[in-house]
N, C-alpha and C. Protein backbone atom coordinates (compact mmCIF):
# COMPACT_ATOMS: atom_id res chain seq x y z
N MET A 1 -47.84 -145.01 -179.41
CA MET A 1 -48.66 -144.36 -178.41
C MET A 1 -48.75 -142.85 -178.65
N ALA A 2 -47.72 -142.27 -179.27
CA ALA A 2 -47.74 -140.84 -179.51
C ALA A 2 -48.81 -140.47 -180.53
N SER A 3 -49.06 -141.37 -181.48
CA SER A 3 -50.07 -141.08 -182.49
C SER A 3 -51.47 -141.02 -181.89
N MET A 4 -51.71 -141.75 -180.83
CA MET A 4 -53.02 -141.71 -180.17
C MET A 4 -53.23 -140.35 -179.51
N SER A 5 -52.19 -139.80 -178.89
CA SER A 5 -52.35 -138.50 -178.24
C SER A 5 -52.51 -137.39 -179.29
N ILE A 6 -51.84 -137.54 -180.44
CA ILE A 6 -52.00 -136.56 -181.52
C ILE A 6 -53.42 -136.62 -182.07
N LYS A 7 -53.93 -137.83 -182.28
CA LYS A 7 -55.30 -137.97 -182.77
C LYS A 7 -56.30 -137.38 -181.78
N ARG A 8 -56.06 -137.60 -180.50
CA ARG A 8 -56.94 -137.07 -179.47
C ARG A 8 -56.89 -135.54 -179.46
N ALA A 9 -55.69 -134.99 -179.62
CA ALA A 9 -55.55 -133.54 -179.64
C ALA A 9 -56.24 -132.95 -180.87
N LEU A 10 -56.08 -133.59 -182.03
CA LEU A 10 -56.74 -133.11 -183.24
C LEU A 10 -58.25 -133.18 -183.14
N SER A 11 -58.76 -134.22 -182.52
CA SER A 11 -60.21 -134.30 -182.36
C SER A 11 -60.71 -133.22 -181.41
N GLY A 12 -59.92 -132.87 -180.42
CA GLY A 12 -60.28 -131.77 -179.52
C GLY A 12 -60.30 -130.44 -180.24
N VAL A 13 -59.33 -130.24 -181.12
CA VAL A 13 -59.27 -129.00 -181.90
C VAL A 13 -60.47 -128.93 -182.85
N ARG A 14 -60.80 -130.03 -183.46
CA ARG A 14 -61.95 -130.06 -184.38
C ARG A 14 -63.25 -129.76 -183.63
N GLU A 15 -63.40 -130.32 -182.44
CA GLU A 15 -64.60 -130.06 -181.64
C GLU A 15 -64.67 -128.59 -181.23
N TYR A 16 -63.55 -128.03 -180.83
CA TYR A 16 -63.52 -126.62 -180.44
C TYR A 16 -63.87 -125.73 -181.62
N TYR A 17 -63.31 -126.04 -182.79
CA TYR A 17 -63.60 -125.25 -184.00
C TYR A 17 -65.07 -125.35 -184.36
N ALA A 18 -65.64 -126.54 -184.28
CA ALA A 18 -67.05 -126.73 -184.62
C ALA A 18 -67.95 -125.95 -183.65
N ALA A 19 -67.57 -125.88 -182.40
CA ALA A 19 -68.39 -125.19 -181.41
C ALA A 19 -68.26 -123.67 -181.51
N HIS A 20 -67.11 -123.17 -181.95
CA HIS A 20 -66.84 -121.73 -181.96
C HIS A 20 -66.52 -121.20 -183.36
N ARG A 21 -67.09 -121.81 -184.38
CA ARG A 21 -66.74 -121.49 -185.77
C ARG A 21 -66.99 -120.02 -186.11
N LYS A 22 -68.15 -119.50 -185.75
CA LYS A 22 -68.49 -118.12 -186.10
C LYS A 22 -67.55 -117.12 -185.44
N ALA A 23 -67.23 -117.35 -184.18
CA ALA A 23 -66.34 -116.43 -183.46
C ALA A 23 -64.93 -116.47 -184.03
N ILE A 24 -64.47 -117.63 -184.43
CA ILE A 24 -63.12 -117.76 -185.00
C ILE A 24 -63.06 -117.05 -186.35
N ILE A 25 -64.07 -117.22 -187.17
CA ILE A 25 -64.09 -116.56 -188.48
C ILE A 25 -64.19 -115.05 -188.32
N LEU A 26 -65.03 -114.59 -187.40
CA LEU A 26 -65.18 -113.16 -187.15
C LEU A 26 -63.86 -112.56 -186.65
N GLY A 27 -63.18 -113.25 -185.76
CA GLY A 27 -61.87 -112.79 -185.28
C GLY A 27 -60.85 -112.74 -186.39
N GLY A 28 -60.91 -113.70 -187.29
CA GLY A 28 -60.00 -113.71 -188.44
C GLY A 28 -60.24 -112.52 -189.36
N PHE A 29 -61.51 -112.19 -189.59
CA PHE A 29 -61.83 -111.01 -190.41
C PHE A 29 -61.34 -109.73 -189.76
N PHE A 30 -61.56 -109.59 -188.45
CA PHE A 30 -61.07 -108.41 -187.75
C PHE A 30 -59.55 -108.29 -187.86
N PHE A 31 -58.86 -109.41 -187.72
CA PHE A 31 -57.40 -109.41 -187.83
C PHE A 31 -56.96 -108.98 -189.23
N LEU A 32 -57.61 -109.52 -190.26
CA LEU A 32 -57.24 -109.17 -191.63
C LEU A 32 -57.53 -107.70 -191.93
N ILE A 33 -58.66 -107.18 -191.46
CA ILE A 33 -58.99 -105.78 -191.70
C ILE A 33 -57.99 -104.87 -190.98
N ALA A 34 -57.64 -105.20 -189.74
CA ALA A 34 -56.68 -104.38 -189.00
C ALA A 34 -55.31 -104.41 -189.67
N THR A 35 -54.88 -105.57 -190.13
CA THR A 35 -53.59 -105.68 -190.80
C THR A 35 -53.59 -104.90 -192.11
N PHE A 36 -54.67 -104.99 -192.87
CA PHE A 36 -54.78 -104.28 -194.13
C PHE A 36 -54.78 -102.76 -193.89
N SER A 37 -55.48 -102.30 -192.87
CA SER A 37 -55.52 -100.87 -192.56
C SER A 37 -54.14 -100.36 -192.16
N PHE A 38 -53.43 -101.13 -191.35
CA PHE A 38 -52.09 -100.74 -190.95
C PHE A 38 -51.17 -100.65 -192.16
N ALA A 39 -51.26 -101.62 -193.06
CA ALA A 39 -50.40 -101.62 -194.25
C ALA A 39 -50.69 -100.42 -195.14
N LEU A 40 -51.96 -100.10 -195.33
CA LEU A 40 -52.30 -98.94 -196.15
C LEU A 40 -51.81 -97.64 -195.52
N GLY A 41 -51.94 -97.51 -194.22
CA GLY A 41 -51.44 -96.32 -193.54
C GLY A 41 -49.94 -96.20 -193.64
N TYR A 42 -49.26 -97.31 -193.52
CA TYR A 42 -47.79 -97.31 -193.62
C TYR A 42 -47.35 -96.89 -195.02
N LEU A 43 -48.00 -97.45 -196.04
CA LEU A 43 -47.64 -97.10 -197.41
C LEU A 43 -47.97 -95.65 -197.73
N ALA A 44 -49.07 -95.14 -197.22
CA ALA A 44 -49.44 -93.76 -197.47
C ALA A 44 -48.46 -92.80 -196.81
N SER A 45 -47.97 -93.14 -195.64
CA SER A 45 -47.02 -92.25 -194.95
C SER A 45 -45.65 -92.28 -195.63
N ARG A 46 -45.30 -93.35 -196.27
CA ARG A 46 -44.01 -93.40 -196.98
C ARG A 46 -44.01 -92.48 -198.18
N GLU A 47 -45.16 -92.30 -198.83
CA GLU A 47 -45.24 -91.43 -199.99
C GLU A 47 -45.13 -89.96 -199.62
N THR A 48 -45.63 -89.60 -198.46
CA THR A 48 -45.63 -88.19 -198.05
C THR A 48 -44.44 -87.85 -197.16
N ASN A 49 -43.47 -88.73 -197.09
CA ASN A 49 -42.30 -88.49 -196.25
C ASN A 49 -41.47 -87.36 -196.86
N THR A 50 -41.40 -86.24 -196.18
CA THR A 50 -40.68 -85.08 -196.69
C THR A 50 -39.59 -84.68 -195.71
N ILE A 51 -38.82 -83.68 -196.09
CA ILE A 51 -37.75 -83.17 -195.24
C ILE A 51 -38.39 -82.42 -194.08
N PRO A 52 -37.94 -82.65 -192.85
CA PRO A 52 -38.56 -81.98 -191.70
C PRO A 52 -38.29 -80.47 -191.72
N ILE A 53 -39.21 -79.72 -191.19
CA ILE A 53 -39.08 -78.27 -191.10
C ILE A 53 -38.16 -77.94 -189.93
N ILE A 54 -37.17 -77.08 -190.17
CA ILE A 54 -36.24 -76.67 -189.13
C ILE A 54 -36.58 -75.24 -188.72
N ILE A 55 -36.85 -75.04 -187.45
CA ILE A 55 -37.18 -73.72 -186.93
C ILE A 55 -35.98 -73.20 -186.17
N ARG A 56 -35.48 -72.04 -186.60
CA ARG A 56 -34.33 -71.44 -185.94
C ARG A 56 -34.80 -70.41 -184.93
N LYS A 57 -34.09 -70.38 -183.83
CA LYS A 57 -34.39 -69.35 -182.83
C LYS A 57 -33.57 -68.12 -183.14
N CYS A 58 -34.23 -67.01 -183.24
CA CYS A 58 -33.53 -65.75 -183.53
C CYS A 58 -33.24 -65.04 -182.22
N ALA A 59 -32.20 -64.25 -182.24
CA ALA A 59 -31.87 -63.44 -181.05
C ALA A 59 -32.94 -62.40 -180.85
N PRO A 60 -33.33 -62.12 -179.60
CA PRO A 60 -34.37 -61.11 -179.37
C PRO A 60 -33.86 -59.72 -179.77
N GLU A 61 -34.77 -58.96 -180.35
CA GLU A 61 -34.42 -57.61 -180.79
C GLU A 61 -34.54 -56.65 -179.60
N HIS A 62 -33.55 -55.76 -179.47
CA HIS A 62 -33.58 -54.76 -178.39
C HIS A 62 -34.06 -53.44 -178.95
N ASP A 63 -34.94 -52.75 -178.22
CA ASP A 63 -35.44 -51.45 -178.65
C ASP A 63 -34.58 -50.34 -178.14
């Protein structure tokens, strides 16, 4: 009996995919582009990682 419910669920997924194919593919492309952009930004920032600048406070000069 469990195989019947699995088959029914798979047929529902197939129908949903067939009805919304363009939107699913477009969402997948957006996800891949966003992931790729994040990865490139992360790798670019690792290359330019330098020692932080330290600013010292000096004592005020008296006239």
